[in-house]
């Protein structure tokens, strides 16, 4: 890593709650936000530098927030949430118990019929991350979803992606390794909107 990159920061921002009843699986489904993005964007801007590159999932719950934060965010389909296939827009209570148990036993390897496995999501998300970091020497913001952002944070911090969630409306700031350090470190975490259990 070059000297110019030593102080760079990566901001990870998850969208706010969506306009669905609680307990609905909505991974790749392009569902609307519960509230307009203006308040969330203002709260995020208080913690973001003026100059930064912004990348976003194409799903409207992230894209609209990214557009409120930057005049021309770069949209990358690889930052979208997991495709839950046959589970999409179904109540978690309606999902077959055996499917949930299989996913819990193997969160990376299991995939729902018509959907993706955790490993497929991780592979595409980290490919996007590496390209983004390679192409941008300054501060970067990624606006995305709980699953992708957990994979990004875990990869950079050398942590278990299952160890800690990524709340709705949260903003995390990570800093690139300084000389002699092996990995990124987390500088801050902010809960910008009221967290709603799903």
C-alpha atoms as a PDB file:
ATOM      1  CA  UNK A   1       0.000   0.000   0.000  1.00  0.00           C
ATOM      2  CA  UNK A   2       1.408   3.383  -1.005  1.00  0.00           C
ATOM      3  CA  UNK A   3       2.171   6.160   1.416  1.00  0.00           C
ATOM      4  CA  UNK A   4      -0.698   8.170  -0.070  1.00  0.00           C
ATOM      5  CA  UNK A   5      -3.162   5.517   1.029  1.00  0.00           C
ATOM      6  CA  UNK A   6      -2.113   5.328   4.671  1.00  0.00           C
ATOM      7  CA  UNK A   7      -4.669   7.800   5.989  1.00  0.00           C
ATOM      8  CA  UNK A   8      -7.550   6.845   3.729  1.00  0.00           C
ATOM      9  CA  UNK A   9     -10.910   5.967   5.219  1.00  0.00           C
ATOM     10  CA  UNK A  10     -13.730   3.738   4.100  1.00  0.00           C
ATOM     11  CA  UNK A  11     -17.244   4.654   5.232  1.00  0.00           C
ATOM     12  CA  UNK A  12     -19.899   1.927   5.209  1.00  0.00           C
ATOM     13  CA  UNK A  13     -23.531   3.072   5.304  1.00  0.00           C
ATOM     14  CA  UNK A  14     -26.597   0.844   5.503  1.00  0.00           C
ATOM     15  CA  UNK A  15     -29.991   2.036   4.307  1.00  0.00           C
ATOM     16  CA  UNK A  16     -32.840   2.865   6.699  1.00  0.00           C
ATOM     17  CA  UNK A  17     -35.944   0.687   7.334  1.00  0.00           C
ATOM     18  CA  UNK A  18     -38.067  -0.230   4.345  1.00  0.00           C
ATOM     19  CA  UNK A  19     -41.800   0.082   3.717  1.00  0.00           C
ATOM     20  CA  UNK A  20     -42.656  -3.518   4.526  1.00  0.00           C
ATOM     21  CA  UNK A  21     -44.207  -5.155   7.543  1.00  0.00           C
ATOM     22  CA  UNK A  22     -41.696  -6.472  10.034  1.00  0.00           C
ATOM     23  CA  UNK A  23     -40.573 -10.037   9.517  1.00  0.00           C
ATOM     24  CA  UNK A  24     -40.560 -10.046   5.702  1.00  0.00           C
ATOM     25  CA  UNK A  25     -37.567 -11.364   3.756  1.00  0.00           C
ATOM     26  CA  UNK A  26     -36.619  -8.757   1.153  1.00  0.00           C
ATOM     27  CA  UNK A  27     -33.023  -9.365   0.053  1.00  0.00           C
ATOM     28  CA  UNK A  28     -32.797  -8.610  -3.668  1.00  0.00           C
ATOM     29  CA  UNK A  29     -36.343  -7.254  -3.921  1.00  0.00           C
ATOM     30  CA  UNK A  30     -36.305  -3.546  -4.801  1.00  0.00           C
ATOM     31  CA  UNK A  31     -38.544  -2.315  -2.005  1.00  0.00           C
ATOM     32  CA  UNK A  32     -39.088   1.333  -1.097  1.00  0.00           C
ATOM     33  CA  UNK A  33     -37.891   3.047   2.058  1.00  0.00           C
ATOM     34  CA  UNK A  34     -40.320   3.730   4.897  1.00  0.00           C
ATOM     35  CA  UNK A  35     -39.306   7.407   5.083  1.00  0.00           C
ATOM     36  CA  UNK A  36     -37.704   9.852   2.615  1.00  0.00           C
ATOM     37  CA  UNK A  37     -33.899   9.810   2.640  1.00  0.00           C
ATOM     38  CA  UNK A  38     -33.374  13.486   3.543  1.00  0.00           C
ATOM     39  CA  UNK A  39     -33.059  13.048   7.318  1.00  0.00           C
ATOM     40  CA  UNK A  40     -30.795  10.004   7.021  1.00  0.00           C
ATOM     41  CA  UNK A  41     -28.607  11.827   4.494  1.00  0.00           C
ATOM     42  CA  UNK A  42     -28.276  14.892   6.749  1.00  0.00           C
ATOM     43  CA  UNK A  43     -27.279  12.699   9.683  1.00  0.00           C
ATOM     44  CA  UNK A  44     -24.688  10.903   7.551  1.00  0.00           C
ATOM     45  CA  UNK A  45     -23.222  14.149   6.162  1.00  0.00           C
ATOM     46  CA  UNK A  46     -22.322  15.233   9.698  1.00  0.00           C
ATOM     47  CA  UNK A  47     -19.816  12.351   9.826  1.00  0.00           C
ATOM     48  CA  UNK A  48     -18.588  12.324   6.219  1.00  0.00           C
ATOM     49  CA  UNK A  49     -15.785  14.347   4.605  1.00  0.00           C
ATOM     50  CA  UNK A  50     -16.714  16.786   1.858  1.00  0.00           C
ATOM     51  CA  UNK A  51     -14.598  15.011  -0.732  1.00  0.00           C
ATOM     52  CA  UNK A  52     -15.121  11.305  -1.225  1.00  0.00           C
ATOM     53  CA  UNK A  53     -16.051   8.787  -3.874  1.00  0.00           C
ATOM     54  CA  UNK A  54     -19.495   7.231  -3.400  1.00  0.00           C
ATOM     55  CA  UNK A  55     -20.513   3.736  -4.511  1.00  0.00           C
ATOM     56  CA  UNK A  56     -23.946   2.210  -4.091  1.00  0.00           C
ATOM     57  CA  UNK A  57     -26.078  -0.836  -4.563  1.00  0.00           C
ATOM     58  CA  UNK A  58     -28.550  -0.294  -7.426  1.00  0.00           C
ATOM     59  CA  UNK A  59     -31.558  -1.044  -5.210  1.00  0.00           C
ATOM     60  CA  UNK A  60     -33.557   2.113  -4.524  1.00  0.00           C
ATOM     61  CA  UNK A  61     -33.254   1.926  -0.758  1.00  0.00           C
ATOM     62  CA  UNK A  62     -29.503   2.506  -1.173  1.00  0.00           C
ATOM     63  CA  UNK A  63     -29.354   4.369  -4.482  1.00  0.00           C
ATOM     64  CA  UNK A  64     -31.657   7.181  -3.335  1.00  0.00           C
ATOM     65  CA  UNK A  65     -29.561   7.695  -0.216  1.00  0.00           C
ATOM     66  CA  UNK A  66     -26.339   7.718  -2.243  1.00  0.00           C
ATOM     67  CA  UNK A  67     -27.847  10.259  -4.642  1.00  0.00           C
ATOM     68  CA  UNK A  68     -28.728  12.490  -1.692  1.00  0.00           C
ATOM     69  CA  UNK A  69     -25.086  12.372  -0.573  1.00  0.00           C
ATOM     70  CA  UNK A  70     -23.297  12.799  -3.907  1.00  0.00           C
ATOM     71  CA  UNK A  71     -24.245  14.341  -7.273  1.00  0.00           C
ATOM     72  CA  UNK A  72     -22.997  11.308  -9.214  1.00  0.00           C
ATOM     73  CA  UNK A  73     -22.632   8.133  -7.122  1.00  0.00           C
ATOM     74  CA  UNK A  74     -21.265   5.100  -8.923  1.00  0.00           C
ATOM     75  CA  UNK A  75     -23.783   2.253  -9.003  1.00  0.00           C
ATOM     76  CA  UNK A  76     -22.371  -1.262  -8.751  1.00  0.00           C
ATOM     77  CA  UNK A  77     -24.727  -4.252  -8.980  1.00  0.00           C
ATOM     78  CA  UNK A  78     -22.237  -6.348  -7.009  1.00  0.00           C
ATOM     79  CA  UNK A  79     -23.100  -4.314  -3.887  1.00  0.00           C
ATOM     80  CA  UNK A  80     -26.738  -5.493  -3.918  1.00  0.00           C
ATOM     81  CA  UNK A  81     -28.157  -7.603  -1.102  1.00  0.00           C
ATOM     82  CA  UNK A  82     -28.311 -11.398  -1.246  1.00  0.00           C
ATOM     83  CA  UNK A  83     -30.866 -12.921  -3.576  1.00  0.00           C
ATOM     84  CA  UNK A  84     -33.068 -15.069  -1.346  1.00  0.00           C
ATOM     85  CA  UNK A  85     -34.774 -16.733  -4.301  1.00  0.00           C
ATOM     86  CA  UNK A  86     -38.009 -18.441  -3.276  1.00  0.00           C
ATOM     87  CA  UNK A  87     -37.934 -16.729   0.124  1.00  0.00           C
ATOM     88  CA  UNK A  88     -38.145 -13.193  -1.323  1.00  0.00           C
ATOM     89  CA  UNK A  89     -41.065 -11.146   0.048  1.00  0.00           C
ATOM     90  CA  UNK A  90     -42.280 -14.026   2.196  1.00  0.00           C
ATOM     91  CA  UNK A  91     -42.679 -13.836   5.947  1.00  0.00           C
ATOM     92  CA  UNK A  92     -39.788 -15.460   7.771  1.00  0.00           C
ATOM     93  CA  UNK A  93     -42.482 -17.401   9.657  1.00  0.00           C
ATOM     94  CA  UNK A  94     -43.573 -18.955   6.354  1.00  0.00           C
ATOM     95  CA  UNK A  95     -40.089 -20.066   5.349  1.00  0.00           C
ATOM     96  CA  UNK A  96     -39.685 -23.849   5.823  1.00  0.00           C
ATOM     97  CA  UNK A  97     -37.950 -24.615   9.099  1.00  0.00           C
ATOM     98  CA  UNK A  98     -35.604 -27.083   7.442  1.00  0.00           C
ATOM     99  CA  UNK A  99     -34.399 -24.339   5.097  1.00  0.00           C
ATOM    100  CA  UNK A 100     -33.682 -21.948   7.930  1.00  0.00           C
ATOM    101  CA  UNK A 101     -31.875 -24.675   9.868  1.00  0.00           C
ATOM    102  CA  UNK A 102     -29.763 -25.583   6.834  1.00  0.00           C
ATOM    103  CA  UNK A 103     -28.840 -21.917   6.312  1.00  0.00           C
ATOM    104  CA  UNK A 104     -27.919 -21.537   9.998  1.00  0.00           C
ATOM    105  CA  UNK A 105     -25.642 -24.593   9.785  1.00  0.00           C
ATOM    106  CA  UNK A 106     -23.892 -23.366   6.641  1.00  0.00           C
ATOM    107  CA  UNK A 107     -24.439 -19.625   6.073  1.00  0.00           C
ATOM    108  CA  UNK A 108     -21.819 -19.472   3.332  1.00  0.00           C
ATOM    109  CA  UNK A 109     -22.602 -22.674   1.475  1.00  0.00           C
ATOM    110  CA  UNK A 110     -26.392 -22.870   1.631  1.00  0.00           C
ATOM    111  CA  UNK A 111     -28.485 -21.258  -1.097  1.00  0.00           C
ATOM    112  CA  UNK A 112     -32.246 -20.963  -1.347  1.00  0.00           C
ATOM    113  CA  UNK A 113     -33.834 -22.309  -4.533  1.00  0.00           C
ATOM    114  CA  UNK A 114     -33.493 -19.596  -7.146  1.00  0.00           C
ATOM    115  CA  UNK A 115     -31.171 -17.535  -4.952  1.00  0.00           C
ATOM    116  CA  UNK A 116     -27.542 -17.112  -3.939  1.00  0.00           C
ATOM    117  CA  UNK A 117     -25.303 -18.667  -1.335  1.00  0.00           C
ATOM    118  CA  UNK A 118     -23.460 -16.530   1.191  1.00  0.00           C
ATOM    119  CA  UNK A 119     -20.201 -17.415  -0.542  1.00  0.00           C
ATOM    120  CA  UNK A 120     -21.511 -16.137  -3.871  1.00  0.00           C
ATOM    121  CA  UNK A 121     -22.475 -12.857  -2.226  1.00  0.00           C
ATOM    122  CA  UNK A 122     -19.119 -12.554  -0.463  1.00  0.00           C
ATOM    123  CA  UNK A 123     -17.213 -13.261  -3.680  1.00  0.00           C
ATOM    124  CA  UNK A 124     -18.982 -10.581  -5.716  1.00  0.00           C
ATOM    125  CA  UNK A 125     -18.972  -8.005  -2.918  1.00  0.00           C
ATOM    126  CA  UNK A 126     -15.254  -8.409  -2.170  1.00  0.00           C
ATOM    127  CA  UNK A 127     -14.432  -8.277  -5.885  1.00  0.00           C
ATOM    128  CA  UNK A 128     -16.217  -4.915  -6.013  1.00  0.00           C
ATOM    129  CA  UNK A 129     -14.455  -3.750  -2.850  1.00  0.00           C
ATOM    130  CA  UNK A 130     -10.982  -4.563  -4.169  1.00  0.00           C
ATOM    131  CA  UNK A 131     -11.680  -2.746  -7.439  1.00  0.00           C
ATOM    132  CA  UNK A 132     -13.081   0.282  -5.610  1.00  0.00           C
ATOM    133  CA  UNK A 133     -10.090   0.543  -3.275  1.00  0.00           C
ATOM    134  CA  UNK A 134      -7.608   0.019  -6.094  1.00  0.00           C
ATOM    135  CA  UNK A 135      -9.173   2.792  -8.188  1.00  0.00           C
ATOM    136  CA  UNK A 136      -9.666   5.365  -5.406  1.00  0.00           C
ATOM    137  CA  UNK A 137      -6.774   6.580  -3.272  1.00  0.00           C
ATOM    138  CA  UNK A 138      -8.895   8.905  -1.144  1.00  0.00           C
ATOM    139  CA  UNK A 139     -11.861   8.446   1.147  1.00  0.00           C
ATOM    140  CA  UNK A 140     -14.676   6.200  -0.083  1.00  0.00           C
ATOM    141  CA  UNK A 141     -18.302   5.671   0.945  1.00  0.00           C
ATOM    142  CA  UNK A 142     -20.160   2.449   0.166  1.00  0.00           C
ATOM    143  CA  UNK A 143     -23.955   2.546   0.569  1.00  0.00           C
ATOM    144  CA  UNK A 144     -25.268  -0.986   0.742  1.00  0.00           C
ATOM    145  CA  UNK A 145     -27.099  -3.660   2.742  1.00  0.00           C
ATOM    146  CA  UNK A 146     -26.552  -5.655   5.912  1.00  0.00           C
ATOM    147  CA  UNK A 147     -25.115  -8.770   4.270  1.00  0.00           C
ATOM    148  CA  UNK A 148     -22.642  -7.108   1.897  1.00  0.00           C
ATOM    149  CA  UNK A 149     -21.484  -4.604   4.517  1.00  0.00           C
ATOM    150  CA  UNK A 150     -20.840  -7.363   7.045  1.00  0.00           C
ATOM    151  CA  UNK A 151     -18.658  -9.135   4.491  1.00  0.00           C
ATOM    152  CA  UNK A 152     -16.716  -5.937   3.751  1.00  0.00           C
ATOM    153  CA  UNK A 153     -16.143  -5.100   7.401  1.00  0.00           C
ATOM    154  CA  UNK A 154     -15.149  -8.655   8.306  1.00  0.00           C
ATOM    155  CA  UNK A 155     -12.695  -8.934   5.400  1.00  0.00           C
ATOM    156  CA  UNK A 156     -10.923  -5.675   6.209  1.00  0.00           C
ATOM    157  CA  UNK A 157     -10.840  -6.160   9.978  1.00  0.00           C
ATOM    158  CA  UNK A 158      -9.933  -9.860   9.830  1.00  0.00           C
ATOM    159  CA  UNK A 159     -13.100 -10.730  11.753  1.00  0.00           C
ATOM    160  CA  UNK A 160     -15.881 -13.313  11.587  1.00  0.00           C
ATOM    161  CA  UNK A 161     -18.724 -11.901   9.474  1.00  0.00           C
ATOM    162  CA  UNK A 162     -21.226 -13.679  11.745  1.00  0.00           C
ATOM    163  CA  UNK A 163     -19.847 -12.130  14.931  1.00  0.00           C
ATOM    164  CA  UNK A 164     -21.522  -8.729  14.647  1.00  0.00           C
ATOM    165  CA  UNK A 165     -24.539  -7.430  12.782  1.00  0.00           C
ATOM    166  CA  UNK A 166     -24.783  -4.228  10.754  1.00  0.00           C
ATOM    167  CA  UNK A 167     -27.862  -2.297  11.935  1.00  0.00           C
ATOM    168  CA  UNK A 168     -30.268  -0.507   9.635  1.00  0.00           C
ATOM    169  CA  UNK A 169     -29.261   3.137   9.272  1.00  0.00           C
ATOM    170  CA  UNK A 170     -25.757   2.605  10.696  1.00  0.00           C
ATOM    171  CA  UNK A 171     -22.546   4.273   9.502  1.00  0.00           C
ATOM    172  CA  UNK A 172     -19.149   2.731  10.208  1.00  0.00           C
ATOM    173  CA  UNK A 173     -15.758   4.281   9.474  1.00  0.00           C
ATOM    174  CA  UNK A 174     -12.690   2.107   8.851  1.00  0.00           C
ATOM    175  CA  UNK A 175      -9.138   3.328   8.325  1.00  0.00           C
ATOM    176  CA  UNK A 176      -6.487   1.774   6.106  1.00  0.00           C
ATOM    177  CA  UNK A 177      -3.461   0.158   7.768  1.00  0.00           C
ATOM    178  CA  UNK A 178      -0.616   2.405   8.822  1.00  0.00           C
ATOM    179  CA  UNK A 179       2.977   1.358   8.226  1.00  0.00           C
ATOM    180  CA  UNK A 180       3.707  -1.935   9.955  1.00  0.00           C
ATOM    181  CA  UNK A 181       0.049  -2.800  10.497  1.00  0.00           C
ATOM    182  CA  UNK A 182      -1.564  -5.809   8.877  1.00  0.00           C
ATOM    183  CA  UNK A 183      -5.164  -4.748   8.518  1.00  0.00           C
ATOM    184  CA  UNK A 184      -7.697  -1.974   8.648  1.00  0.00           C
ATOM    185  CA  UNK A 185      -9.109  -0.712  11.939  1.00  0.00           C
ATOM    186  CA  UNK A 186     -12.522   0.588  12.892  1.00  0.00           C
ATOM    187  CA  UNK A 187     -12.523   4.252  13.868  1.00  0.00           C
ATOM    188  CA  UNK A 188     -16.197   4.839  14.645  1.00  0.00           C
ATOM    189  CA  UNK A 189     -19.752   3.539  14.459  1.00  0.00           C
ATOM    190  CA  UNK A 190     -22.879   5.714  14.445  1.00  0.00           C
ATOM    191  CA  UNK A 191     -26.535   4.726  14.562  1.00  0.00           C
ATOM    192  CA  UNK A 192     -28.067   7.438  12.392  1.00  0.00           C
ATOM    193  CA  UNK A 193     -31.708   6.390  12.352  1.00  0.00           C
ATOM    194  CA  UNK A 194     -33.875   4.511  14.770  1.00  0.00           C
ATOM    195  CA  UNK A 195     -33.203   0.814  14.476  1.00  0.00           C
ATOM    196  CA  UNK A 196     -36.263  -1.301  13.754  1.00  0.00           C
ATOM    197  CA  UNK A 197     -36.216  -5.017  14.369  1.00  0.00           C
ATOM    198  CA  UNK A 198     -37.087  -7.072  11.312  1.00  0.00           C
END
